[in-house]
Each structure stands twice: as structure tokens, then as C-alpha cells.
């Protein structure tokens, strides 16, 4: 990676090189764990990418995880962000994935956005670090 993911685009302000590497590694691990991976994007009439996300589908187990949902700052509130999860959920249903989920931080604003689109809290995770 030649520069940090936060440089220039503002999607991860303050992210350093190591943080960018961890995000790439996490994405690669998820990709290896799913039978079908799609990379979706919604664009403006001018062709500018306004939102994107990745559904990871495992039709054998009937499971789909939607990850990395992002809407660019310039296009927040313009409905482009709805197109990506709507399409991801349709792809998952078409693939026979009856269990469709995403993971959201309980204290971050996207959680409410997901709930308004029909997602519900089904569990919690905890992470412990050594101090």
C-alpha cells in the first residue's frame, strides 16, 4: 500500500499505514471464507461512485454478510446509500441465503440507519485487549 487509506479521500481520517494494512488483511480473510463475493457500487448520473459495499455469500450454509457499506461524504442523504444494501439483500435472497446480517458498532450512527432499513440487533460481540 503506497499511502494510508485516510490520505486524500477522508474516509479514514488519521489512519496510518498499519491501520490500512489491517483493514486489507481483514477483507482478504472474509473473502477467503465466502463462496461468492460481490463488490457493489452505486453511482451518480455523471458516473461518480457515491456508495459501495461488499456482500459475502455462502449459499451452502444459507448465510450472507454485508460488509464495508460506505457512502461518500459528498453524497450523504442523496439515497445512493440505500441502493447498495438493497441490492446486497436481493443478491443474498436470490442465492438462497436466508440468514443475512451485518455488524455495526452499537454506539456509532450507522446502527440507527441500518435499523431504519429493517435490520435488528440479534447479538453482541466483545473484544478484549491486553493492557
Foldseek 3Di string as FASTA:
>chain_A
DPFFPCPPQNPDPPGGPVNRVVVVVVVVVLQVVAPDKDKDFFADPVRHTFWIWMWGEHLVVLEIEIDDTDGRPVCPPVCRSVVHVVVSVVVSVVSNNPHYYYDDDPPDVVVVVVVVVPDDDDDDDDDDDDD
